Amino acid sequence: ANDGVFRRYRGSRTLEDLQGYILERKW
């Protein structure tokens, strides 16, 4: 969620992938 805009995360559930989703703005 980013300021009330929701996206379903369907990626891998490893720590690296979760961090990459945020750091690389994959969302």
mmCIF file of all heavy atoms, coordinates in Angstrom:
data_MODEL
# 
_entry.id   MODEL 
# 
loop_
_atom_site.group_PDB 
_atom_site.id 
_atom_site.type_symbol 
_atom_site.label_atom_id 
_atom_site.label_alt_id 
_atom_site.label_comp_id 
_atom_site.label_asym_id 
_atom_site.label_entity_id 
_atom_site.label_seq_id 
_atom_site.pdbx_PDB_ins_code 
_atom_site.Cartn_x 
_atom_site.Cartn_y 
_atom_site.Cartn_z 
_atom_site.occupancy 
_atom_site.B_iso_or_equiv 
_atom_site.pdbx_formal_charge 
_atom_site.auth_seq_id 
_atom_site.auth_comp_id 
_atom_site.auth_asym_id 
_atom_site.auth_atom_id 
_atom_site.pdbx_PDB_model_num 
ATOM 1   N N   . ALA A 1 1  ? 0.850  -1.187  0.000  1.00 0.00 ? 1  ALA A N   1 
ATOM 2   C CA  . ALA A 1 1  ? 0.000  0.000   0.000  1.00 0.00 ? 1  ALA A CA  1 
ATOM 3   C C   . ALA A 1 1  ? 0.885  1.235   0.000  1.00 0.00 ? 1  ALA A C   1 
ATOM 4   O O   . ALA A 1 1  ? 1.866  1.304   0.743  1.00 0.00 ? 1  ALA A O   1 
ATOM 5   C CB  . ALA A 1 1  ? -0.907 0.011   1.222  1.00 0.00 ? 1  ALA A CB  1 
ATOM 6   N N   . ASN A 1 2  ? 0.549  2.168   -0.854 1.00 0.00 ? 2  ASN A N   1 
ATOM 7   C CA  . ASN A 1 2  ? 1.270  3.434   -0.894 1.00 0.00 ? 2  ASN A CA  1 
ATOM 8   C C   . ASN A 1 2  ? 0.235  4.555   -0.956 1.00 0.00 ? 2  ASN A C   1 
ATOM 9   O O   . ASN A 1 2  ? -0.403 4.755   -1.978 1.00 0.00 ? 2  ASN A O   1 
ATOM 10  C CB  . ASN A 1 2  ? 2.213  3.488   -2.101 1.00 0.00 ? 2  ASN A CB  1 
ATOM 11  C CG  . ASN A 1 2  ? 3.147  4.672   -2.032 1.00 0.00 ? 2  ASN A CG  1 
ATOM 12  O OD1 . ASN A 1 2  ? 3.466  5.161   -0.958 1.00 0.00 ? 2  ASN A OD1 1 
ATOM 13  N ND2 . ASN A 1 2  ? 3.594  5.139   -3.177 1.00 0.00 ? 2  ASN A ND2 1 
ATOM 14  N N   . ASP A 1 3  ? 0.065  5.248   0.176  1.00 0.00 ? 3  ASP A N   1 
ATOM 15  C CA  . ASP A 1 3  ? -0.906 6.339   0.296  1.00 0.00 ? 3  ASP A CA  1 
ATOM 16  C C   . ASP A 1 3  ? -2.293 5.934   -0.181 1.00 0.00 ? 3  ASP A C   1 
ATOM 17  O O   . ASP A 1 3  ? -2.939 6.647   -0.953 1.00 0.00 ? 3  ASP A O   1 
ATOM 18  C CB  . ASP A 1 3  ? -0.414 7.584   -0.436 1.00 0.00 ? 3  ASP A CB  1 
ATOM 19  C CG  . ASP A 1 3  ? 0.805  8.196   0.237  1.00 0.00 ? 3  ASP A CG  1 
ATOM 20  O OD1 . ASP A 1 3  ? 0.889  8.116   1.477  1.00 0.00 ? 3  ASP A OD1 1 
ATOM 21  O OD2 . ASP A 1 3  ? 1.667  8.743   -0.467 1.00 0.00 ? 3  ASP A OD2 1 
ATOM 22  N N   . GLY A 1 4  ? -2.748 4.767   0.246  1.00 0.00 ? 4  GLY A N   1 
ATOM 23  C CA  . GLY A 1 4  ? -4.097 4.320   -0.051 1.00 0.00 ? 4  GLY A CA  1 
ATOM 24  C C   . GLY A 1 4  ? -4.277 3.621   -1.384 1.00 0.00 ? 4  GLY A C   1 
ATOM 25  O O   . GLY A 1 4  ? -5.381 3.224   -1.729 1.00 0.00 ? 4  GLY A O   1 
ATOM 26  N N   . VAL A 1 5  ? -3.201 3.438   -2.142 1.00 0.00 ? 5  VAL A N   1 
ATOM 27  C CA  . VAL A 1 5  ? -3.261 2.686   -3.403 1.00 0.00 ? 5  VAL A CA  1 
ATOM 28  C C   . VAL A 1 5  ? -2.699 1.295   -3.106 1.00 0.00 ? 5  VAL A C   1 
ATOM 29  O O   . VAL A 1 5  ? -1.552 1.163   -2.691 1.00 0.00 ? 5  VAL A O   1 
ATOM 30  C CB  . VAL A 1 5  ? -2.461 3.380   -4.524 1.00 0.00 ? 5  VAL A CB  1 
ATOM 31  C CG1 . VAL A 1 5  ? -2.486 2.547   -5.786 1.00 0.00 ? 5  VAL A CG1 1 
ATOM 32  C CG2 . VAL A 1 5  ? -2.995 4.782   -4.765 1.00 0.00 ? 5  VAL A CG2 1 
ATOM 33  N N   . PHE A 1 6  ? -3.533 0.283   -3.346 1.00 0.00 ? 6  PHE A N   1 
ATOM 34  C CA  . PHE A 1 6  ? -3.181 -1.082  -2.960 1.00 0.00 ? 6  PHE A CA  1 
ATOM 35  C C   . PHE A 1 6  ? -2.794 -1.914  -4.177 1.00 0.00 ? 6  PHE A C   1 
ATOM 36  O O   . PHE A 1 6  ? -3.422 -1.823  -5.231 1.00 0.00 ? 6  PHE A O   1 
ATOM 37  C CB  . PHE A 1 6  ? -4.364 -1.748  -2.244 1.00 0.00 ? 6  PHE A CB  1 
ATOM 38  C CG  . PHE A 1 6  ? -4.710 -1.071  -0.958 1.00 0.00 ? 6  PHE A CG  1 
ATOM 39  C CD1 . PHE A 1 6  ? -5.623 -0.038  -0.934 1.00 0.00 ? 6  PHE A CD1 1 
ATOM 40  C CD2 . PHE A 1 6  ? -4.112 -1.460  0.226  1.00 0.00 ? 6  PHE A CD2 1 
ATOM 41  C CE1 . PHE A 1 6  ? -5.951 0.607   0.250  1.00 0.00 ? 6  PHE A CE1 1 
ATOM 42  C CE2 . PHE A 1 6  ? -4.426 -0.826  1.413  1.00 0.00 ? 6  PHE A CE2 1 
ATOM 43  C CZ  . PHE A 1 6  ? -5.346 0.210   1.424  1.00 0.00 ? 6  PHE A CZ  1 
ATOM 44  N N   . ARG A 1 7  ? -1.758 -2.741  -3.972 1.00 0.00 ? 7  ARG A N   1 
ATOM 45  C CA  . ARG A 1 7  ? -1.315 -3.679  -4.999 1.00 0.00 ? 7  ARG A CA  1 
ATOM 46  C C   . ARG A 1 7  ? -1.060 -5.015  -4.321 1.00 0.00 ? 7  ARG A C   1 
ATOM 47  O O   . ARG A 1 7  ? -0.459 -5.063  -3.259 1.00 0.00 ? 7  ARG A O   1 
ATOM 48  C CB  . ARG A 1 7  ? -0.027 -3.191  -5.658 1.00 0.00 ? 7  ARG A CB  1 
ATOM 49  C CG  . ARG A 1 7  ? -0.209 -1.956  -6.497 1.00 0.00 ? 7  ARG A CG  1 
ATOM 50  C CD  . ARG A 1 7  ? 1.147  -1.393  -6.925 1.00 0.00 ? 7  ARG A CD  1 
ATOM 51  N NE  . ARG A 1 7  ? 1.004  -0.337  -7.892 1.00 0.00 ? 7  ARG A NE  1 
ATOM 52  C CZ  . ARG A 1 7  ? 0.793  0.934   -7.586 1.00 0.00 ? 7  ARG A CZ  1 
ATOM 53  N NH1 . ARG A 1 7  ? 0.694  1.303   -6.328 1.00 0.00 ? 7  ARG A NH1 1 
ATOM 54  N NH2 . ARG A 1 7  ? 0.685  1.843   -8.541 1.00 0.00 ? 7  ARG A NH2 1 
ATOM 55  N N   . ARG A 1 8  ? -1.494 -6.066  -4.960 1.00 0.00 ? 8  ARG A N   1 
ATOM 56  C CA  . ARG A 1 8  ? -1.269 -7.404  -4.415 1.00 0.00 ? 8  ARG A CA  1 
ATOM 57  C C   . ARG A 1 8  ? 0.142  -7.848  -4.783 1.00 0.00 ? 8  ARG A C   1 
ATOM 58  O O   . ARG A 1 8  ? 0.538  -7.786  -5.944 1.00 0.00 ? 8  ARG A O   1 
ATOM 59  C CB  . ARG A 1 8  ? -2.307 -8.368  -4.994 1.00 0.00 ? 8  ARG A CB  1 
ATOM 60  C CG  . ARG A 1 8  ? -2.128 -9.785  -4.575 1.00 0.00 ? 8  ARG A CG  1 
ATOM 61  C CD  . ARG A 1 8  ? -3.177 -10.221 -3.586 1.00 0.00 ? 8  ARG A CD  1 
ATOM 62  N NE  . ARG A 1 8  ? -2.946 -11.581 -3.178 1.00 0.00 ? 8  ARG A NE  1 
ATOM 63  C CZ  . ARG A 1 8  ? -3.703 -12.599 -3.529 1.00 0.00 ? 8  ARG A CZ  1 
ATOM 64  N NH1 . ARG A 1 8  ? -4.741 -12.406 -4.284 1.00 0.00 ? 8  ARG A NH1 1 
ATOM 65  N NH2 . ARG A 1 8  ? -3.406 -13.808 -3.106 1.00 0.00 ? 8  ARG A NH2 1 
ATOM 66  N N   . TYR A 1 9  ? 0.892  -8.262  -3.783 1.00 0.00 ? 9  TYR A N   1 
ATOM 67  C CA  . TYR A 1 9  ? 2.244  -8.761  -4.003 1.00 0.00 ? 9  TYR A CA  1 
ATOM 68  C C   . TYR A 1 9  ? 2.163  -10.242 -4.323 1.00 0.00 ? 9  TYR A C   1 
ATOM 69  O O   . TYR A 1 9  ? 1.610  -11.025 -3.567 1.00 0.00 ? 9  TYR A O   1 
ATOM 70  C CB  . TYR A 1 9  ? 3.106  -8.532  -2.757 1.00 0.00 ? 9  TYR A CB  1 
ATOM 71  C CG  . TYR A 1 9  ? 4.496  -9.110  -2.880 1.00 0.00 ? 9  TYR A CG  1 
ATOM 72  C CD1 . TYR A 1 9  ? 5.471  -8.446  -3.593 1.00 0.00 ? 9  TYR A CD1 1 
ATOM 73  C CD2 . TYR A 1 9  ? 4.820  -10.324 -2.293 1.00 0.00 ? 9  TYR A CD2 1 
ATOM 74  C CE1 . TYR A 1 9  ? 6.754  -8.975  -3.716 1.00 0.00 ? 9  TYR A CE1 1 
ATOM 75  C CE2 . TYR A 1 9  ? 6.089  -10.858 -2.405 1.00 0.00 ? 9  TYR A CE2 1 
ATOM 76  C CZ  . TYR A 1 9  ? 7.054  -10.182 -3.116 1.00 0.00 ? 9  TYR A CZ  1 
ATOM 77  O OH  . TYR A 1 9  ? 8.314  -10.705 -3.232 1.00 0.00 ? 9  TYR A OH  1 
ATOM 78  N N   . ARG A 1 10 ? 2.708  -10.626 -5.476 1.00 0.00 ? 10 ARG A N   1 
ATOM 79  C CA  . ARG A 1 10 ? 2.659  -12.030 -5.890 1.00 0.00 ? 10 ARG A CA  1 
ATOM 80  C C   . ARG A 1 10 ? 4.057  -12.600 -6.129 1.00 0.00 ? 10 ARG A C   1 
ATOM 81  O O   . ARG A 1 10 ? 4.197  -13.658 -6.724 1.00 0.00 ? 10 ARG A O   1 
ATOM 82  C CB  . ARG A 1 10 ? 1.826  -12.160 -7.161 1.00 0.00 ? 10 ARG A CB  1 
ATOM 83  C CG  . ARG A 1 10 ? 0.380  -11.754 -6.953 1.00 0.00 ? 10 ARG A CG  1 
ATOM 84  C CD  . ARG A 1 10 ? -0.423 -11.950 -8.220 1.00 0.00 ? 10 ARG A CD  1 
ATOM 85  N NE  . ARG A 1 10 ? -1.746 -11.386 -8.134 1.00 0.00 ? 10 ARG A NE  1 
ATOM 86  C CZ  . ARG A 1 10 ? -2.814 -12.022 -7.674 1.00 0.00 ? 10 ARG A CZ  1 
ATOM 87  N NH1 . ARG A 1 10 ? -2.709 -13.248 -7.237 1.00 0.00 ? 10 ARG A NH1 1 
ATOM 88  N NH2 . ARG A 1 10 ? -3.985 -11.427 -7.632 1.00 0.00 ? 10 ARG A NH2 1 
ATOM 89  N N   . GLY A 1 11 ? 5.070  -11.906 -5.664 1.00 0.00 ? 11 GLY A N   1 
ATOM 90  C CA  . GLY A 1 11 ? 6.442  -12.345 -5.887 1.00 0.00 ? 11 GLY A CA  1 
ATOM 91  C C   . GLY A 1 11 ? 6.894  -13.381 -4.884 1.00 0.00 ? 11 GLY A C   1 
ATOM 92  O O   . GLY A 1 11 ? 6.132  -13.869 -4.048 1.00 0.00 ? 11 GLY A O   1 
ATOM 93  N N   . SER A 1 12 ? 8.160  -13.708 -4.983 1.00 0.00 ? 12 SER A N   1 
ATOM 94  C CA  . SER A 1 12 ? 8.786  -14.669 -4.088 1.00 0.00 ? 12 SER A CA  1 
ATOM 95  C C   . SER A 1 12 ? 8.766  -14.121 -2.661 1.00 0.00 ? 12 SER A C   1 
ATOM 96  O O   . SER A 1 12 ? 8.784  -12.913 -2.444 1.00 0.00 ? 12 SER A O   1 
ATOM 97  C CB  . SER A 1 12 ? 10.225 -14.913 -4.541 1.00 0.00 ? 12 SER A CB  1 
ATOM 98  O OG  . SER A 1 12 ? 10.913 -15.649 -3.564 1.00 0.00 ? 12 SER A OG  1 
ATOM 99  N N   . ARG A 1 13 ? 8.771  -15.009 -1.715 1.00 0.00 ? 13 ARG A N   1 
ATOM 100 C CA  . ARG A 1 13 ? 8.669  -14.580 -0.322 1.00 0.00 ? 13 ARG A CA  1 
ATOM 101 C C   . ARG A 1 13 ? 9.994  -14.700 0.420  1.00 0.00 ? 13 ARG A C   1 
ATOM 102 O O   . ARG A 1 13 ? 10.023 -14.983 1.612  1.00 0.00 ? 13 ARG A O   1 
ATOM 103 C CB  . ARG A 1 13 ? 7.573  -15.374 0.361  1.00 0.00 ? 13 ARG A CB  1 
ATOM 104 C CG  . ARG A 1 13 ? 6.235  -14.995 -0.261 1.00 0.00 ? 13 ARG A CG  1 
ATOM 105 C CD  . ARG A 1 13 ? 5.104  -15.765 0.257  1.00 0.00 ? 13 ARG A CD  1 
ATOM 106 N NE  . ARG A 1 13 ? 3.888  -15.293 -0.390 1.00 0.00 ? 13 ARG A NE  1 
ATOM 107 C CZ  . ARG A 1 13 ? 2.824  -16.015 -0.563 1.00 0.00 ? 13 ARG A CZ  1 
ATOM 108 N NH1 . ARG A 1 13 ? 2.815  -17.246 -0.146 1.00 0.00 ? 13 ARG A NH1 1 
ATOM 109 N NH2 . ARG A 1 13 ? 1.778  -15.514 -1.154 1.00 0.00 ? 13 ARG A NH2 1 
ATOM 110 N N   . THR A 1 14 ? 11.073 -14.450 -0.305 1.00 0.00 ? 14 THR A N   1 
ATOM 111 C CA  . THR A 1 14 ? 12.380 -14.415 0.345  1.00 0.00 ? 14 THR A CA  1 
ATOM 112 C C   . THR A 1 14 ? 12.640 -12.989 0.808  1.00 0.00 ? 14 THR A C   1 
ATOM 113 O O   . THR A 1 14 ? 12.080 -12.031 0.269  1.00 0.00 ? 14 THR A O   1 
ATOM 114 C CB  . THR A 1 14 ? 13.506 -14.842 -0.615 1.00 0.00 ? 14 THR A CB  1 
ATOM 115 O OG1 . THR A 1 14 ? 13.589 -13.897 -1.680 1.00 0.00 ? 14 THR A OG1 1 
ATOM 116 C CG2 . THR A 1 14 ? 13.260 -16.245 -1.163 1.00 0.00 ? 14 THR A CG2 1 
ATOM 117 N N   . LEU A 1 15 ? 13.507 -12.835 1.780  1.00 0.00 ? 15 LEU A N   1 
ATOM 118 C CA  . LEU A 1 15 ? 13.826 -11.515 2.308  1.00 0.00 ? 15 LEU A CA  1 
ATOM 119 C C   . LEU A 1 15 ? 14.390 -10.615 1.212  1.00 0.00 ? 15 LEU A C   1 
ATOM 120 O O   . LEU A 1 15 ? 14.018 -9.448  1.096  1.00 0.00 ? 15 LEU A O   1 
ATOM 121 C CB  . LEU A 1 15 ? 14.816 -11.640 3.474  1.00 0.00 ? 15 LEU A CB  1 
ATOM 122 C CG  . LEU A 1 15 ? 15.242 -10.343 4.137  1.00 0.00 ? 15 LEU A CG  1 
ATOM 123 C CD1 . LEU A 1 15 ? 14.034 -9.577  4.679  1.00 0.00 ? 15 LEU A CD1 1 
ATOM 124 C CD2 . LEU A 1 15 ? 16.247 -10.614 5.244  1.00 0.00 ? 15 LEU A CD2 1 
ATOM 125 N N   . GLU A 1 16 ? 15.253 -11.173 0.374  1.00 0.00 ? 16 GLU A N   1 
ATOM 126 C CA  . GLU A 1 16 ? 15.877 -10.389 -0.695 1.00 0.00 ? 16 GLU A CA  1 
ATOM 127 C C   . GLU A 1 16 ? 14.839 -9.879  -1.693 1.00 0.00 ? 16 GLU A C   1 
ATOM 128 O O   . GLU A 1 16 ? 14.903 -8.730  -2.133 1.00 0.00 ? 16 GLU A O   1 
ATOM 129 C CB  . GLU A 1 16 ? 16.944 -11.224 -1.428 1.00 0.00 ? 16 GLU A CB  1 
ATOM 130 C CG  . GLU A 1 16 ? 18.128 -11.626 -0.575 1.00 0.00 ? 16 GLU A CG  1 
ATOM 131 C CD  . GLU A 1 16 ? 17.826 -12.774 0.406  1.00 0.00 ? 16 GLU A CD  1 
ATOM 132 O OE1 . GLU A 1 16 ? 16.912 -13.586 0.142  1.00 0.00 ? 16 GLU A OE1 1 
ATOM 133 O OE2 . GLU A 1 16 ? 18.493 -12.803 1.464  1.00 0.00 ? 16 GLU A OE2 1 
ATOM 134 N N   . ASP A 1 17 ? 13.893 -10.733 -2.053 1.00 0.00 ? 17 ASP A N   1 
ATOM 135 C CA  . ASP A 1 17 ? 12.868 -10.325 -3.019 1.00 0.00 ? 17 ASP A CA  1 
ATOM 136 C C   . ASP A 1 17 ? 11.911 -9.300  -2.432 1.00 0.00 ? 17 ASP A C   1 
ATOM 137 O O   . ASP A 1 17 ? 11.477 -8.377  -3.127 1.00 0.00 ? 17 ASP A O   1 
ATOM 138 C CB  . ASP A 1 17 ? 12.106 -11.541 -3.545 1.00 0.00 ? 17 ASP A CB  1 
ATOM 139 C CG  . ASP A 1 17 ? 12.945 -12.359 -4.518 1.00 0.00 ? 17 ASP A CG  1 
ATOM 140 O OD1 . ASP A 1 17 ? 13.878 -11.802 -5.131 1.00 0.00 ? 17 ASP A OD1 1 
ATOM 141 O OD2 . ASP A 1 17 ? 12.674 -13.564 -4.647 1.00 0.00 ? 17 ASP A OD2 1 
ATOM 142 N N   . LEU A 1 18 ? 11.569 -9.450  -1.160 1.00 0.00 ? 18 LEU A N   1 
ATOM 143 C CA  . LEU A 1 18 ? 10.695 -8.467  -0.508 1.00 0.00 ? 18 LEU A CA  1 
ATOM 144 C C   . LEU A 1 18 ? 11.389 -7.107  -0.437 1.00 0.00 ? 18 LEU A C   1 
ATOM 145 O O   . LEU A 1 18 ? 10.787 -6.074  -0.748 1.00 0.00 ? 18 LEU A O   1 
ATOM 146 C CB  . LEU A 1 18 ? 10.304 -8.939  0.891  1.00 0.00 ? 18 LEU A CB  1 
ATOM 147 C CG  . LEU A 1 18 ? 9.325  -10.111 0.952  1.00 0.00 ? 18 LEU A CG  1 
ATOM 148 C CD1 . LEU A 1 18 ? 9.289  -10.719 2.359  1.00 0.00 ? 18 LEU A CD1 1 
ATOM 149 C CD2 . LEU A 1 18 ? 7.937  -9.672  0.521  1.00 0.00 ? 18 LEU A CD2 1 
ATOM 150 N N   . GLN A 1 19 ? 12.664 -7.117  -0.071 1.00 0.00 ? 19 GLN A N   1 
ATOM 151 C CA  . GLN A 1 19 ? 13.421 -5.859  -0.014 1.00 0.00 ? 19 GLN A CA  1 
ATOM 152 C C   . GLN A 1 19 ? 13.576 -5.258  -1.408 1.00 0.00 ? 19 GLN A C   1 
ATOM 153 O O   . GLN A 1 19 ? 13.426 -4.048  -1.583 1.00 0.00 ? 19 GLN A O   1 
ATOM 154 C CB  . GLN A 1 19 ? 14.801 -6.095  0.608  1.00 0.00 ? 19 GLN A CB  1 
ATOM 155 C CG  . GLN A 1 19 ? 14.741 -6.399  2.077  1.00 0.00 ? 19 GLN A CG  1 
ATOM 156 C CD  . GLN A 1 19 ? 16.084 -6.790  2.653  1.00 0.00 ? 19 GLN A CD  1 
ATOM 157 O OE1 . GLN A 1 19 ? 16.990 -7.208  1.939  1.00 0.00 ? 19 GLN A OE1 1 
ATOM 158 N NE2 . GLN A 1 19 ? 16.213 -6.682  3.970  1.00 0.00 ? 19 GLN A NE2 1 
ATOM 159 N N   . GLY A 1 20 ? 13.863 -6.086  -2.399 1.00 0.00 ? 20 GLY A N   1 
ATOM 160 C CA  . GLY A 1 20 ? 14.009 -5.613  -3.771 1.00 0.00 ? 20 GLY A CA  1 
ATOM 161 C C   . GLY A 1 20 ? 12.727 -5.016  -4.313 1.00 0.00 ? 20 GLY A C   1 
ATOM 162 O O   . GLY A 1 20 ? 12.752 -4.048  -5.082 1.00 0.00 ? 20 GLY A O   1 
ATOM 163 N N   . TYR A 1 21 ? 11.601 -5.557  -3.921 1.00 0.00 ? 21 TYR A N   1 
ATOM 164 C CA  . TYR A 1 21 ? 10.299 -5.043  -4.351 1.00 0.00 ? 21 TYR A CA  1 
ATOM 165 C C   . TYR A 1 21 ? 10.140 -3.578  -3.939 1.00 0.00 ? 21 TYR A C   1 
ATOM 166 O O   . TYR A 1 21 ? 9.596  -2.767  -4.686 1.00 0.00 ? 21 TYR A O   1 
ATOM 167 C CB  . TYR A 1 21 ? 9.203  -5.902  -3.725 1.00 0.00 ? 21 TYR A CB  1 
ATOM 168 C CG  . TYR A 1 21 ? 7.805  -5.620  -4.216 1.00 0.00 ? 21 TYR A CG  1 
ATOM 169 C CD1 . TYR A 1 21 ? 7.385  -6.054  -5.462 1.00 0.00 ? 21 TYR A CD1 1 
ATOM 170 C CD2 . TYR A 1 21 ? 6.891  -4.936  -3.414 1.00 0.00 ? 21 TYR A CD2 1 
ATOM 171 C CE1 . TYR A 1 21 ? 6.089  -5.826  -5.906 1.00 0.00 ? 21 TYR A CE1 1 
ATOM 172 C CE2 . TYR A 1 21 ? 5.604  -4.703  -3.843 1.00 0.00 ? 21 TYR A CE2 1 
ATOM 173 C CZ  . TYR A 1 21 ? 5.205  -5.148  -5.090 1.00 0.00 ? 21 TYR A CZ  1 
ATOM 174 O OH  . TYR A 1 21 ? 3.926  -4.910  -5.522 1.00 0.00 ? 21 TYR A OH  1 
ATOM 175 N N   . ILE A 1 22 ? 10.658 -3.255  -2.749 1.00 0.00 ? 22 ILE A N   1 
ATOM 176 C CA  . ILE A 1 22 ? 10.567 -1.881  -2.246 1.00 0.00 ? 22 ILE A CA  1 
ATOM 177 C C   . ILE A 1 22 ? 11.709 -1.030  -2.788 1.00 0.00 ? 22 ILE A C   1 
ATOM 178 O O   . ILE A 1 22 ? 11.482 0.052   -3.347 1.00 0.00 ? 22 ILE A O   1 
ATOM 179 C CB  . ILE A 1 22 ? 10.579 -1.864  -0.701 1.00 0.00 ? 22 ILE A CB  1 
ATOM 180 C CG1 . ILE A 1 22 ? 9.386  -2.638  -0.140 1.00 0.00 ? 22 ILE A CG1 1 
ATOM 181 C CG2 . ILE A 1 22 ? 10.611 -0.432  -0.172 1.00 0.00 ? 22 ILE A CG2 1 
ATOM 182 C CD1 . ILE A 1 22 ? 8.027  -2.141  -0.568 1.00 0.00 ? 22 ILE A CD1 1 
ATOM 183 N N   . LEU A 1 23 ? 12.937 -1.486  -2.644 1.00 0.00 ? 23 LEU A N   1 
ATOM 184 C CA  . LEU A 1 23 ? 14.100 -0.686  -3.037 1.00 0.00 ? 23 LEU A CA  1 
ATOM 185 C C   . LEU A 1 23 ? 14.136 -0.374  -4.532 1.00 0.00 ? 23 LEU A C   1 
ATOM 186 O O   . LEU A 1 23 ? 14.488 0.736   -4.930 1.00 0.00 ? 23 LEU A O   1 
ATOM 187 C CB  . LEU A 1 23 ? 15.393 -1.402  -2.623 1.00 0.00 ? 23 LEU A CB  1 
ATOM 188 C CG  . LEU A 1 23 ? 15.671 -1.459  -1.121 1.00 0.00 ? 23 LEU A CG  1 
ATOM 189 C CD1 . LEU A 1 23 ? 16.870 -2.346  -0.834 1.00 0.00 ? 23 LEU A CD1 1 
ATOM 190 C CD2 . LEU A 1 23 ? 15.878 -0.063  -0.558 1.00 0.00 ? 23 LEU A CD2 1 
ATOM 191 N N   . GLU A 1 24 ? 13.768 -1.360  -5.340 1.00 0.00 ? 24 GLU A N   1 
ATOM 192 C CA  . GLU A 1 24 ? 13.785 -1.172  -6.795 1.00 0.00 ? 24 GLU A CA  1 
ATOM 193 C C   . GLU A 1 24 ? 12.456 -0.658  -7.329 1.00 0.00 ? 24 GLU A C   1 
ATOM 194 O O   . GLU A 1 24 ? 12.269 -0.563  -8.548 1.00 0.00 ? 24 GLU A O   1 
ATOM 195 C CB  . GLU A 1 24 ? 14.167 -2.491  -7.469 1.00 0.00 ? 24 GLU A CB  1 
ATOM 196 C CG  . GLU A 1 24 ? 15.544 -2.985  -7.077 1.00 0.00 ? 24 GLU A CG  1 
ATOM 197 C CD  . GLU A 1 24 ? 15.791 -4.429  -7.483 1.00 0.00 ? 24 GLU A CD  1 
ATOM 198 O OE1 . GLU A 1 24 ? 15.141 -4.912  -8.441 1.00 0.00 ? 24 GLU A OE1 1 
ATOM 199 O OE2 . GLU A 1 24 ? 16.636 -5.074  -6.835 1.00 0.00 ? 24 GLU A OE2 1 
ATOM 200 N N   . ARG A 1 25 ? 11.531 -0.373  -6.415 1.00 0.00 ? 25 ARG A N   1 
ATOM 201 C CA  . ARG A 1 25 ? 10.200 0.166   -6.755 1.00 0.00 ? 25 ARG A CA  1 
ATOM 202 C C   . ARG A 1 25 ? 9.471  -0.713  -7.782 1.00 0.00 ? 25 ARG A C   1 
ATOM 203 O O   . ARG A 1 25 ? 8.795  -0.219  -8.676 1.00 0.00 ? 25 ARG A O   1 
ATOM 204 C CB  . ARG A 1 25 ? 10.323 1.609   -7.228 1.00 0.00 ? 25 ARG A CB  1 
ATOM 205 C CG  . ARG A 1 25 ? 10.943 2.512   -6.175 1.00 0.00 ? 25 ARG A CG  1 
ATOM 206 C CD  . ARG A 1 25 ? 11.107 3.938   -6.634 1.00 0.00 ? 25 ARG A CD  1 
ATOM 207 N NE  . ARG A 1 25 ? 9.841  4.633   -6.813 1.00 0.00 ? 25 ARG A NE  1 
ATOM 208 C CZ  . ARG A 1 25 ? 9.232  5.353   -5.885 1.00 0.00 ? 25 ARG A CZ  1 
ATOM 209 N NH1 . ARG A 1 25 ? 9.754  5.462   -4.691 1.00 0.00 ? 25 ARG A NH1 1 
ATOM 210 N NH2 . ARG A 1 25 ? 8.091  5.968   -6.156 1.00 0.00 ? 25 ARG A NH2 1 
ATOM 211 N N   . LYS A 1 26 ? 9.602  -2.010  -7.623 1.00 0.00 ? 26 LYS A N   1 
ATOM 212 C CA  . LYS A 1 26 ? 8.935  -2.954  -8.524 1.00 0.00 ? 26 LYS A CA  1 
ATOM 213 C C   . LYS A 1 26 ? 7.416  -2.853  -8.413 1.00 0.00 ? 26 LYS A C   1 
ATOM 214 O O   . LYS A 1 26 ? 6.700  -3.223  -9.332 1.00 0.00 ? 26 LYS A O   1 
ATOM 215 C CB  . LYS A 1 26 ? 9.386  -4.387  -8.225 1.00 0.00 ? 26 LYS A CB  1 
ATOM 216 C CG  . LYS A 1 26 ? 10.835 -4.649  -8.584 1.00 0.00 ? 26 LYS A CG  1 
ATOM 217 C CD  . LYS A 1 26 ? 11.222 -6.077  -8.248 1.00 0.00 ? 26 LYS A CD  1 
ATOM 218 C CE  . LYS A 1 26 ? 12.673 -6.329  -8.590 1.00 0.00 ? 26 LYS A CE  1 
ATOM 219 N NZ  . LYS A 1 26 ? 13.104 -7.684  -8.205 1.00 0.00 ? 26 LYS A NZ  1 
ATOM 220 N N   . TRP A 1 27 ? 6.943  -2.355  -7.294 1.00 0.00 ? 27 TRP A N   1 
ATOM 221 C CA  . TRP A 1 27 ? 5.502  -2.219  -7.091 1.00 0.00 ? 27 TRP A CA  1 
ATOM 222 C C   . TRP A 1 27 ? 4.870  -1.261  -8.101 1.00 0.00 ? 27 TRP A C   1 
ATOM 223 O O   . TRP A 1 27 ? 3.684  -1.360  -8.382 1.00 0.00 ? 27 TRP A O   1 
ATOM 224 C CB  . TRP A 1 27 ? 5.187  -1.787  -5.657 1.00 0.00 ? 27 TRP A CB  1 
ATOM 225 C CG  . TRP A 1 27 ? 5.918  -0.564  -5.183 1.00 0.00 ? 27 TRP A CG  1 
ATOM 226 C CD1 . TRP A 1 27 ? 7.129  -0.531  -4.552 1.00 0.00 ? 27 TRP A CD1 1 
ATOM 227 C CD2 . TRP A 1 27 ? 5.495  0.793   -5.307 1.00 0.00 ? 27 TRP A CD2 1 
ATOM 228 N NE1 . TRP A 1 27 ? 7.485  0.757   -4.279 1.00 0.00 ? 27 TRP A NE1 1 
ATOM 229 C CE2 . TRP A 1 27 ? 6.491  1.601   -4.727 1.00 0.00 ? 27 TRP A CE2 1 
ATOM 230 C CE3 . TRP A 1 27 ? 4.374  1.407   -5.845 1.00 0.00 ? 27 TRP A CE3 1 
ATOM 231 C CZ2 . TRP A 1 27 ? 6.402  2.981   -4.670 1.00 0.00 ? 27 TRP A CZ2 1 
ATOM 232 C CZ3 . TRP A 1 27 ? 4.279  2.787   -5.796 1.00 0.00 ? 27 TRP A CZ3 1 
ATOM 233 C CH2 . TRP A 1 27 ? 5.280  3.558   -5.215 1.00 0.00 ? 27 TRP A CH2 1 
# 
